[in-house]
Protein backbone atom coordinates (compact mmCIF):
# COMPACT_ATOMS: atom_id res chain seq x y z
CA UNK A 1 -20.66 11.56 -13.86
CA UNK A 2 -22.99 11.01 -10.93
CA UNK A 3 -23.17 10.34 -7.23
CA UNK A 4 -23.05 6.98 -5.50
CA UNK A 5 -26.67 7.55 -4.47
CA UNK A 6 -27.61 7.46 -8.18
CA UNK A 7 -26.40 3.90 -8.69
CA UNK A 8 -27.69 0.52 -7.66
CA UNK A 9 -26.97 -0.33 -4.06
CA UNK A 10 -24.38 -2.87 -2.98
CA UNK A 11 -27.09 -5.50 -2.77
CA UNK A 12 -29.32 -7.35 -5.22
CA UNK A 13 -32.34 -8.29 -3.20
CA UNK A 14 -30.80 -9.38 0.07
CA UNK A 15 -27.53 -10.40 -1.57
CA UNK A 16 -24.51 -8.16 -0.95
CA UNK A 17 -22.41 -7.67 -4.07
CA UNK A 18 -18.68 -8.32 -3.79
CA UNK A 19 -16.09 -5.64 -4.63
CA UNK A 20 -14.90 -7.53 -7.72
CA UNK A 21 -18.43 -7.31 -9.14
CA UNK A 22 -18.81 -3.64 -8.27
CA UNK A 23 -15.51 -2.79 -9.99
CA UNK A 24 -17.27 -3.18 -13.35
CA UNK A 25 -19.48 -0.12 -12.95
CA UNK A 26 -19.55 1.35 -9.46
CA UNK A 27 -19.52 5.15 -9.34
CA UNK A 28 -20.17 5.70 -13.05
CA UNK A 29 -23.43 6.29 -14.93
CA UNK A 30 -23.11 5.65 -18.70
CA UNK A 31 -26.09 7.97 -19.34
CA UNK A 32 -23.96 10.92 -18.27
CA UNK A 33 -21.21 10.06 -20.77
CA UNK A 34 -22.98 9.37 -24.06
CA UNK A 35 -23.72 5.78 -23.03
CA UNK A 36 -20.03 4.83 -22.79
CA UNK A 37 -19.63 1.48 -21.04
CA UNK A 38 -16.36 2.59 -19.44
CA UNK A 39 -15.60 6.02 -17.99
CA UNK A 40 -13.93 8.23 -20.59
CA UNK A 41 -10.59 9.82 -19.81
CA UNK A 42 -11.39 13.41 -18.88
CA UNK A 43 -8.31 15.21 -20.17
CA UNK A 44 -9.19 18.68 -18.99
CA UNK A 45 -7.48 20.96 -16.53
CA UNK A 46 -10.56 22.97 -15.60
CA UNK A 47 -14.37 22.76 -15.56
CA UNK A 48 -17.01 25.33 -16.58
CA UNK A 49 -19.34 26.64 -13.85
CA UNK A 50 -23.06 27.00 -14.47
CA UNK A 51 -22.97 30.39 -12.74
CA UNK A 52 -20.74 32.59 -10.61
CA UNK A 53 -22.74 31.46 -7.57
CA UNK A 54 -21.98 27.81 -8.34
CA UNK A 55 -18.29 28.63 -8.69
CA UNK A 56 -18.24 30.33 -5.29
CA UNK A 57 -20.07 27.40 -3.70
CA UNK A 58 -17.77 24.80 -5.25
CA UNK A 59 -14.66 26.59 -3.99
CA UNK A 60 -16.12 26.80 -0.50
CA UNK A 61 -16.49 23.01 -0.58
CA UNK A 62 -13.03 22.38 -2.02
CA UNK A 63 -11.47 24.81 0.44
CA UNK A 64 -13.11 23.11 3.41
CA UNK A 65 -15.13 26.19 4.36
CA UNK A 66 -18.32 24.16 4.44
CA UNK A 67 -19.31 20.50 4.44
CA UNK A 68 -21.41 18.57 1.94
CA UNK A 69 -25.09 18.40 2.76
CA UNK A 70 -26.77 14.95 2.80
CA UNK A 71 -27.18 13.70 -0.78
CA UNK A 72 -25.04 16.53 -2.19
CA UNK A 73 -21.92 16.05 -4.31
CA UNK A 74 -19.04 18.45 -4.76
CA UNK A 75 -18.95 20.17 -8.11
CA UNK A 76 -16.03 19.81 -10.49
CA UNK A 77 -13.60 22.70 -10.24
CA UNK A 78 -10.06 22.02 -11.38
CA UNK A 79 -8.21 18.73 -11.92
CA UNK A 80 -5.78 19.39 -9.07
CA UNK A 81 -8.81 19.24 -6.74
CA UNK A 82 -11.09 16.73 -8.43
CA UNK A 83 -11.73 15.07 -11.76
CA UNK A 84 -14.39 12.54 -12.83
CA UNK A 85 -11.83 9.75 -13.30
CA UNK A 86 -10.26 10.49 -9.94
CA UNK A 87 -13.63 10.51 -8.16
CA UNK A 88 -14.75 7.18 -9.62
CA UNK A 89 -11.41 5.59 -8.77
CA UNK A 90 -11.57 6.86 -5.19
CA UNK A 91 -15.12 5.55 -4.81
CA UNK A 92 -14.02 2.09 -5.98
CA UNK A 93 -10.99 1.98 -3.71
CA UNK A 94 -13.15 2.98 -0.75
CA UNK A 95 -15.50 0.13 -1.65
CA UNK A 96 -12.65 -2.41 -1.54
CA UNK A 97 -11.60 -1.15 1.88
CA UNK A 98 -15.16 -0.57 3.15
CA UNK A 99 -13.88 2.85 4.14
CA UNK A 100 -15.58 6.19 4.47
CA UNK A 101 -13.13 7.92 2.17
CA UNK A 102 -10.24 7.22 -0.19
CA UNK A 103 -7.87 9.58 -1.93
CA UNK A 104 -5.26 8.93 -4.61
CA UNK A 105 -1.76 10.29 -5.11
CA UNK A 106 0.95 10.47 -7.75
CA UNK A 107 2.88 7.62 -6.06
CA UNK A 108 2.92 5.43 -2.98
CA UNK A 109 5.67 7.59 -1.51
CA UNK A 110 3.53 10.68 -2.08
CA UNK A 111 0.75 9.00 -0.09
CA UNK A 112 3.12 8.10 2.77
CA UNK A 113 4.70 11.56 2.86
CA UNK A 114 1.29 13.23 2.85
CA UNK A 115 0.04 11.00 5.65
CA UNK A 116 2.97 12.01 7.85
CA UNK A 117 2.90 15.70 7.02
CA UNK A 118 -0.89 16.03 7.34
CA UNK A 119 -0.94 14.52 10.82
CA UNK A 120 2.38 15.31 12.49
CA UNK A 121 3.95 18.45 13.92
CA UNK A 122 7.54 19.42 14.73
CA UNK A 123 8.60 17.91 18.04
CA UNK A 124 6.37 14.86 17.70
CA UNK A 125 7.67 11.30 17.38
CA UNK A 126 6.94 8.82 14.60
CA UNK A 127 7.00 5.17 15.72
CA UNK A 128 7.56 2.82 12.78
CA UNK A 129 8.28 -0.82 11.94
CA UNK A 130 11.48 -2.18 10.40
CA UNK A 131 12.24 -3.37 7.82
CA UNK A 132 10.09 -1.07 5.78
CA UNK A 133 10.28 -0.17 2.10
CA UNK A 134 13.70 1.43 1.51
CA UNK A 135 12.22 4.64 0.11
CA UNK A 136 10.07 5.02 3.21
CA UNK A 137 13.04 4.44 5.53
CA UNK A 138 15.10 7.00 3.61
CA UNK A 139 12.25 9.50 3.94
CA UNK A 140 11.99 8.82 7.67
CA UNK A 141 15.72 8.95 8.41
CA UNK A 142 16.86 11.74 6.09
CA UNK A 143 13.94 14.11 5.59
CA UNK A 144 11.72 13.94 8.68
CA UNK A 145 14.40 15.41 10.97
CA UNK A 146 14.48 18.53 8.76
CA UNK A 147 10.90 19.21 9.82
CA UNK A 148 11.64 18.50 13.47
CA UNK A 149 9.98 15.07 13.47
CA UNK A 150 11.72 12.46 15.63
CA UNK A 151 11.60 8.74 14.87
CA UNK A 152 11.80 5.43 16.72
CA UNK A 153 11.86 2.07 14.95
CA UNK A 154 11.06 -1.46 16.09
CA UNK A 155 11.63 -4.85 14.49
CA UNK A 156 8.74 -6.51 12.65
CA UNK A 157 8.07 -10.14 13.53
CA UNK A 158 9.80 -9.56 16.86
CA UNK A 159 8.23 -9.98 20.27
CA UNK A 160 5.66 -7.53 21.59
CA UNK A 161 8.43 -6.38 23.89
CA UNK A 162 10.07 -4.62 20.93
CA UNK A 163 6.90 -2.61 20.32
CA UNK A 164 6.61 -1.85 24.04
CA UNK A 165 10.20 -0.63 24.15
CA UNK A 166 9.73 1.58 21.08
CA UNK A 167 6.63 3.30 22.43
CA UNK A 168 8.17 3.84 25.87
CA UNK A 169 11.24 5.38 24.27
CA UNK A 170 9.08 7.54 21.99
CA UNK A 171 7.05 8.89 24.91
CA UNK A 172 10.27 9.93 26.60
CA UNK A 173 11.33 11.84 23.47
CA UNK A 174 8.11 13.81 23.03
CA UNK A 175 4.45 13.46 22.05
CA UNK A 176 3.79 10.50 19.74
CA UNK A 177 2.31 11.91 16.54
CA UNK A 178 1.77 8.75 14.48
CA UNK A 179 2.61 5.07 14.13
CA UNK A 180 3.48 3.83 10.63
CA UNK A 181 3.79 0.11 10.03
CA UNK A 182 4.30 -1.99 6.93
CA UNK A 183 2.91 -5.48 7.34
CA UNK A 184 3.98 -7.78 5.78
CA UNK A 185 7.33 -5.99 5.74
CA UNK A 186 9.28 -5.33 2.58
CA UNK A 187 11.27 -7.47 1.79
CA UNK A 188 11.33 -10.04 4.63
CA UNK A 189 7.55 -10.50 5.10
CA UNK A 190 7.92 -9.76 8.81
CA UNK A 191 4.51 -9.23 10.43
CA UNK A 192 3.31 -6.54 12.82
CA UNK A 193 0.26 -7.01 15.06
CA UNK A 194 -1.98 -4.13 13.94
CA UNK A 195 -4.31 -4.34 16.94
CA UNK A 196 -1.43 -4.38 19.42
CA UNK A 197 0.05 -1.18 17.96
CA UNK A 198 -3.40 0.45 17.94
CA UNK A 199 -3.84 -0.43 21.61
CA UNK A 200 -0.59 1.37 22.40
CA UNK A 201 -1.82 4.48 20.57
CA UNK A 202 -4.94 4.54 22.74
CA UNK A 203 -2.64 5.46 25.62
CA UNK A 204 -0.71 8.13 23.68
CA UNK A 205 -1.43 11.79 23.04
CA UNK A 206 -0.07 14.00 20.31
CA UNK A 207 0.86 17.64 20.88
CA UNK A 208 -2.84 18.60 20.66
CA UNK A 209 -3.82 16.04 23.29
CA UNK A 210 -5.49 13.76 20.72
CA UNK A 211 -4.95 10.06 20.01
CA UNK A 212 -2.38 9.69 17.23
CA UNK A 213 -3.37 7.75 14.07
CA UNK A 214 -2.12 4.35 12.97
CA UNK A 215 -1.14 4.17 9.30
CA UNK A 216 -0.57 0.77 7.65
CA UNK A 217 1.20 0.23 4.35
CA UNK A 218 -0.94 -2.58 2.89
CA UNK A 219 0.84 -2.86 -0.46
CA UNK A 220 1.97 -6.50 -0.10
CA UNK A 221 -1.44 -8.07 0.61
CA UNK A 222 -4.18 -5.53 0.07
CA UNK A 223 -6.88 -4.94 -0.60
CA UNK A 224 -7.63 -8.63 -1.32
CA UNK A 225 -5.73 -10.57 1.35
CA UNK A 226 -5.64 -8.08 4.26
CA UNK A 227 -8.09 -5.51 5.66
CA UNK A 228 -6.19 -3.31 8.15
CA UNK A 229 -9.17 -1.11 8.99
CA UNK A 230 -10.90 -4.14 10.48
CA UNK A 231 -7.98 -4.62 12.87
CA UNK A 232 -7.61 -1.09 14.19
CA UNK A 233 -5.81 0.88 11.47
CA UNK A 234 -6.89 4.48 10.83
CA UNK A 235 -5.19 5.00 7.46
CA UNK A 236 -4.47 2.31 4.86
CA UNK A 237 -1.69 3.24 2.45
CA UNK A 238 -0.87 1.82 -0.98
CA UNK A 239 1.55 1.92 -3.77
CA UNK A 240 -1.09 1.41 -6.47
CA UNK A 241 1.87 0.81 -8.79
CA UNK A 242 2.06 -2.71 -7.40
CA UNK A 243 -0.81 -5.23 -7.22
CA UNK A 244 -3.67 -2.79 -7.75
CA UNK A 245 -2.14 -1.39 -10.94
CA UNK A 246 -0.77 -4.84 -11.60
CA UNK A 247 0.74 -4.42 -15.06
CA UNK A 248 4.01 -2.55 -14.38
CA UNK A 249 2.82 0.34 -16.52
CA UNK A 250 1.84 3.09 -14.05
CA UNK A 251 2.93 4.85 -10.86
CA UNK A 252 0.32 5.87 -8.28
CA UNK A 253 -0.55 5.72 -4.58
CA UNK A 254 -3.59 5.88 -2.32
CA UNK A 255 -4.91 6.25 1.21
CA UNK A 256 -8.21 5.04 2.63
CA UNK A 257 -9.97 5.23 5.97
CA UNK A 258 -12.37 7.34 8.02
CA UNK A 259 -12.85 10.92 6.80
CA UNK A 260 -11.37 12.18 10.08
CA UNK A 261 -7.95 10.92 8.99
CA UNK A 262 -8.11 10.91 5.18
CA UNK A 263 -9.74 14.30 4.60
CA UNK A 264 -6.70 16.27 5.90
CA UNK A 265 -4.56 14.29 3.45
CA UNK A 266 -6.91 15.13 0.60
CA UNK A 267 -6.79 18.81 1.50
CA UNK A 268 -2.99 18.74 1.58
CA UNK A 269 -2.95 17.00 -1.79
CA UNK A 270 -5.04 19.81 -3.24
CA UNK A 271 -2.61 22.34 -1.81
CA UNK A 272 0.62 20.78 -3.06
CA UNK A 273 -0.65 19.02 -6.20
CA UNK A 274 0.62 15.45 -5.76
CA UNK A 275 -2.50 13.98 -7.38
CA UNK A 276 -2.84 11.44 -10.22
CA UNK A 277 -3.51 12.54 -13.78
CA UNK A 278 -6.84 11.40 -15.34
CA UNK A 279 -5.27 8.85 -17.67
CA UNK A 280 -3.46 7.09 -14.83
CA UNK A 281 -6.71 7.04 -12.85
CA UNK A 282 -8.37 5.37 -15.81
CA UNK A 283 -5.59 2.78 -16.02
CA UNK A 284 -5.91 1.93 -12.32
CA UNK A 285 -9.69 1.49 -12.78
CA UNK A 286 -8.99 -0.88 -15.68
CA UNK A 287 -6.74 -2.91 -13.39
CA UNK A 288 -9.21 -3.04 -10.51
CA UNK A 289 -11.52 -5.16 -12.68
CA UNK A 290 -9.02 -8.06 -12.68
CA UNK A 291 -7.33 -7.46 -9.31
CA UNK A 292 -8.73 -10.47 -7.48
CA UNK A 293 -8.20 -13.05 -10.22
CA UNK A 294 -4.64 -11.82 -10.81
CA UNK A 295 -3.87 -11.95 -7.11
CA UNK A 296 -5.39 -15.43 -6.76
CA UNK A 297 -3.30 -16.84 -9.63
CA UNK A 298 -0.11 -15.16 -8.46
CA UNK A 299 -0.66 -16.40 -4.89
CA UNK A 300 -1.17 -19.95 -6.15
CA UNK A 301 2.02 -19.73 -8.22
CA UNK A 302 3.96 -18.28 -5.28
CA UNK A 303 3.21 -21.26 -3.07
CA UNK A 304 4.56 -23.60 -5.76
CA UNK A 305 7.72 -21.49 -6.17
CA UNK A 306 8.23 -21.17 -2.40
CA UNK A 307 7.99 -24.94 -1.93
CA UNK A 308 10.54 -25.47 -4.73
CA UNK A 309 12.99 -23.00 -3.18
CA UNK A 310 12.43 -24.39 0.30
CA UNK A 311 13.66 -27.80 -0.85
CA UNK A 312 16.60 -26.56 -2.94
CA UNK A 313 20.08 -27.30 -1.53
CA UNK A 314 21.46 -23.87 -2.53
CA UNK A 315 18.74 -21.94 -0.68
CA UNK A 316 19.37 -21.27 3.00
CA UNK A 317 15.98 -19.88 4.05
CA UNK A 318 12.64 -18.90 2.49
CA UNK A 319 10.78 -16.01 4.11
CA UNK A 320 7.30 -17.06 3.00
CA UNK A 321 4.21 -16.48 5.12
CA UNK A 322 2.85 -19.89 4.24
CA UNK A 323 5.78 -21.50 6.09
CA UNK A 324 5.22 -19.84 9.49
CA UNK A 325 5.44 -22.35 12.32
CA UNK A 326 2.06 -23.26 13.78
CA UNK A 327 1.81 -21.96 17.32
CA UNK A 328 4.46 -19.24 16.85
CA UNK A 329 3.59 -15.58 17.59
CA UNK A 330 4.04 -14.72 13.90
CA UNK A 331 1.66 -17.49 12.84
CA UNK A 332 -0.92 -16.23 15.33
CA UNK A 333 -0.72 -12.72 13.83
CA UNK A 334 -0.92 -14.10 10.29
CA UNK A 335 -3.99 -16.22 11.11
CA UNK A 336 -5.73 -13.28 12.76
CA UNK A 337 -5.16 -10.52 10.21
CA UNK A 338 -4.19 -12.09 6.86
CA UNK A 339 -6.33 -14.09 4.44
CA UNK A 340 -3.50 -15.56 2.31
CA UNK A 341 0.32 -15.41 2.05
CA UNK A 342 0.33 -13.31 -1.12
CA UNK A 343 2.87 -13.69 -3.91
CA UNK A 344 5.88 -11.60 -2.87
CA UNK A 345 8.49 -13.04 -0.53
CA UNK A 346 12.24 -13.26 0.00
CA UNK A 347 14.79 -16.04 0.28
CA UNK A 348 18.42 -16.30 1.36
CA UNK A 349 20.87 -18.07 -0.91
CA UNK A 350 23.79 -19.91 0.65
CA UNK A 351 26.71 -17.50 0.33
CA UNK A 352 26.60 -13.74 -0.13
CA UNK A 353 26.46 -11.06 -2.80
CA UNK A 354 28.66 -12.92 -5.36
CA UNK A 355 26.41 -15.98 -5.25
CA UNK A 356 23.27 -13.86 -5.36
CA UNK A 357 24.53 -11.91 -8.35
CA UNK A 358 25.52 -15.07 -10.28
CA UNK A 359 22.05 -16.45 -9.72
CA UNK A 360 20.27 -13.24 -10.69
CA UNK A 361 22.37 -12.71 -13.81
CA UNK A 362 21.59 -16.23 -15.04
CA UNK A 363 17.80 -15.84 -15.04
CA UNK A 364 16.09 -15.75 -18.42
CA UNK A 365 12.30 -15.81 -17.85
CA UNK A 366 12.19 -14.08 -14.47
CA UNK A 367 12.92 -10.38 -14.96
CA UNK A 368 15.64 -8.70 -12.90
CA UNK A 369 13.88 -5.50 -11.82
CA UNK A 370 12.59 -3.68 -8.78
CA UNK A 371 8.88 -3.25 -8.01
CA UNK A 372 6.39 -6.04 -7.47
CA UNK A 373 2.79 -7.12 -7.98
CA UNK A 374 2.82 -7.20 -11.78
CA UNK A 375 1.60 -9.93 -14.10
CA UNK A 376 5.22 -10.89 -14.76
CA UNK A 377 7.59 -12.39 -12.19
CA UNK A 378 10.20 -9.92 -10.96
CA UNK A 379 13.23 -10.47 -8.75
CA UNK A 380 15.74 -8.11 -7.15
CA UNK A 381 18.58 -7.87 -4.64
CA UNK A 382 17.22 -5.48 -1.97
CA UNK A 383 20.53 -4.75 -0.22
CA UNK A 384 21.98 -3.24 -3.40
CA UNK A 385 18.78 -1.74 -4.85
CA UNK A 386 15.52 -0.96 -3.00
CA UNK A 387 17.17 -0.82 0.44
CA UNK A 388 20.62 0.42 -0.57
CA UNK A 389 19.91 3.83 0.95
CA UNK A 390 19.29 2.29 4.38
CA UNK A 391 22.39 2.21 6.63
CA UNK A 392 24.04 -1.22 6.57
CA UNK A 393 23.64 -1.76 10.32
CA UNK A 394 19.88 -1.19 10.07
CA UNK A 395 19.69 -3.52 7.06
CA UNK A 396 21.50 -6.22 9.01
CA UNK A 397 19.26 -5.75 12.03
CA UNK A 398 16.20 -6.12 9.82
CA UNK A 399 17.50 -9.21 8.04
CA UNK A 400 18.21 -7.53 4.70
CA UNK A 401 21.55 -9.25 4.08
CA UNK A 402 23.70 -9.63 0.98
CA UNK A 403 22.37 -13.12 0.25
CA UNK A 404 18.71 -12.05 0.27
CA UNK A 405 16.68 -11.97 -2.95
CA UNK A 406 13.08 -10.75 -3.20
CA UNK A 407 10.76 -12.36 -5.72
CA UNK A 408 7.35 -11.16 -6.83
CA UNK A 409 5.68 -14.12 -8.49
CA UNK A 410 3.44 -13.34 -11.46
CA UNK A 411 0.79 -15.24 -13.38
CA UNK A 412 2.98 -17.19 -15.83
CA UNK A 413 3.23 -20.98 -15.88
CA UNK A 414 4.71 -22.09 -12.55
CA UNK A 415 6.53 -24.92 -14.37
CA UNK A 416 8.28 -22.41 -16.63
CA UNK A 417 9.32 -20.30 -13.64
CA UNK A 418 10.74 -23.32 -11.82
CA UNK A 419 12.68 -24.35 -14.93
CA UNK A 420 14.25 -20.89 -15.07
CA UNK A 421 15.05 -20.80 -11.36
CA UNK A 422 16.55 -24.28 -11.59
CA UNK A 423 18.98 -23.46 -14.38
CA UNK A 424 19.99 -20.20 -12.65
CA UNK A 425 20.61 -21.92 -9.31
CA UNK A 426 22.73 -24.51 -11.10
CA UNK A 427 25.14 -21.70 -11.98
CA UNK A 428 25.66 -20.57 -8.36
């Protein structure tokens, strides 16, 4: 493997190359791997040192006891710390985000947990948006208090007054240690103004007297349709399982951003070992090559499906970003920080759980499963699955009701998907 300095720059002449072009070879030199076009899978737990002195130097770098010199790369030590597949993947993710650093984890939840634990201390307050992925909410409500971390939530897609109220309450409870937002929100597609939350953090201090970081879960739209770092985020978080992986065949997570915020997460990952194995890294790199074209096709299909559902007499409401009312606060946020509506959204059937279950059980082409962002179309009932661990009153407040279904539209024929949805709705 080699260093980024060894490869062609991000320009050809004066033309800047796009990320989707760079995904085909960025960060990998075939000459260092027997001319292989694609990076091999480096299935090794450890790496041989050239000398005892090199081993000592590498461990000083890995342990954070010294920094890299200009043009220097860290040596390979042990696959819990670094691995060629992991390093190439992290380079490519950082390129998508135009970030200083990226680091990958064994799951999206591992990335979120590490972000919180690397940057917060007992007694500090986490301000977060609701709804948020059910696993994240369960982590926040059930586990964070065990480490002395307090939490305050606010409603996504609500007025700025809700954010103001949450931060004022948090400051009364103790030092604010971090803000964590998911925008668009899972599953309702509620939006949070990234810049507005960042502005609040400028006036906060953590227990060390420093500005707390803003972490944004960008799984629904990124890295193609939303760039949180450009709007004030410090840490961008991903479940790579979803759109980036894109084939429903792997579990992984990531974080990207300035080294100031991501490096402590990388050091914690090395300490606790929640990294990705080399083969999974290789699979994510495979998927990055087709990320944009998959996302474009799925987004196109989603608009067709959303319009069909919007006009169906048995559907009460469609929570699709493409339907936001022009001139509304939510539409203003969408226009400012999103590039497209994406392909995952929710809709309310007329009725409740019985009607939702009859509809879901009648589907034949659309797969009844959790997760999202794959090539196939998936649908689920959040209140009884992904968000079932969230207290019912919080679900109701966030709009996750018993009639709500979440659909992740894939890349199949839109006509086939509509035919399946039609026959299933006929049975409600």
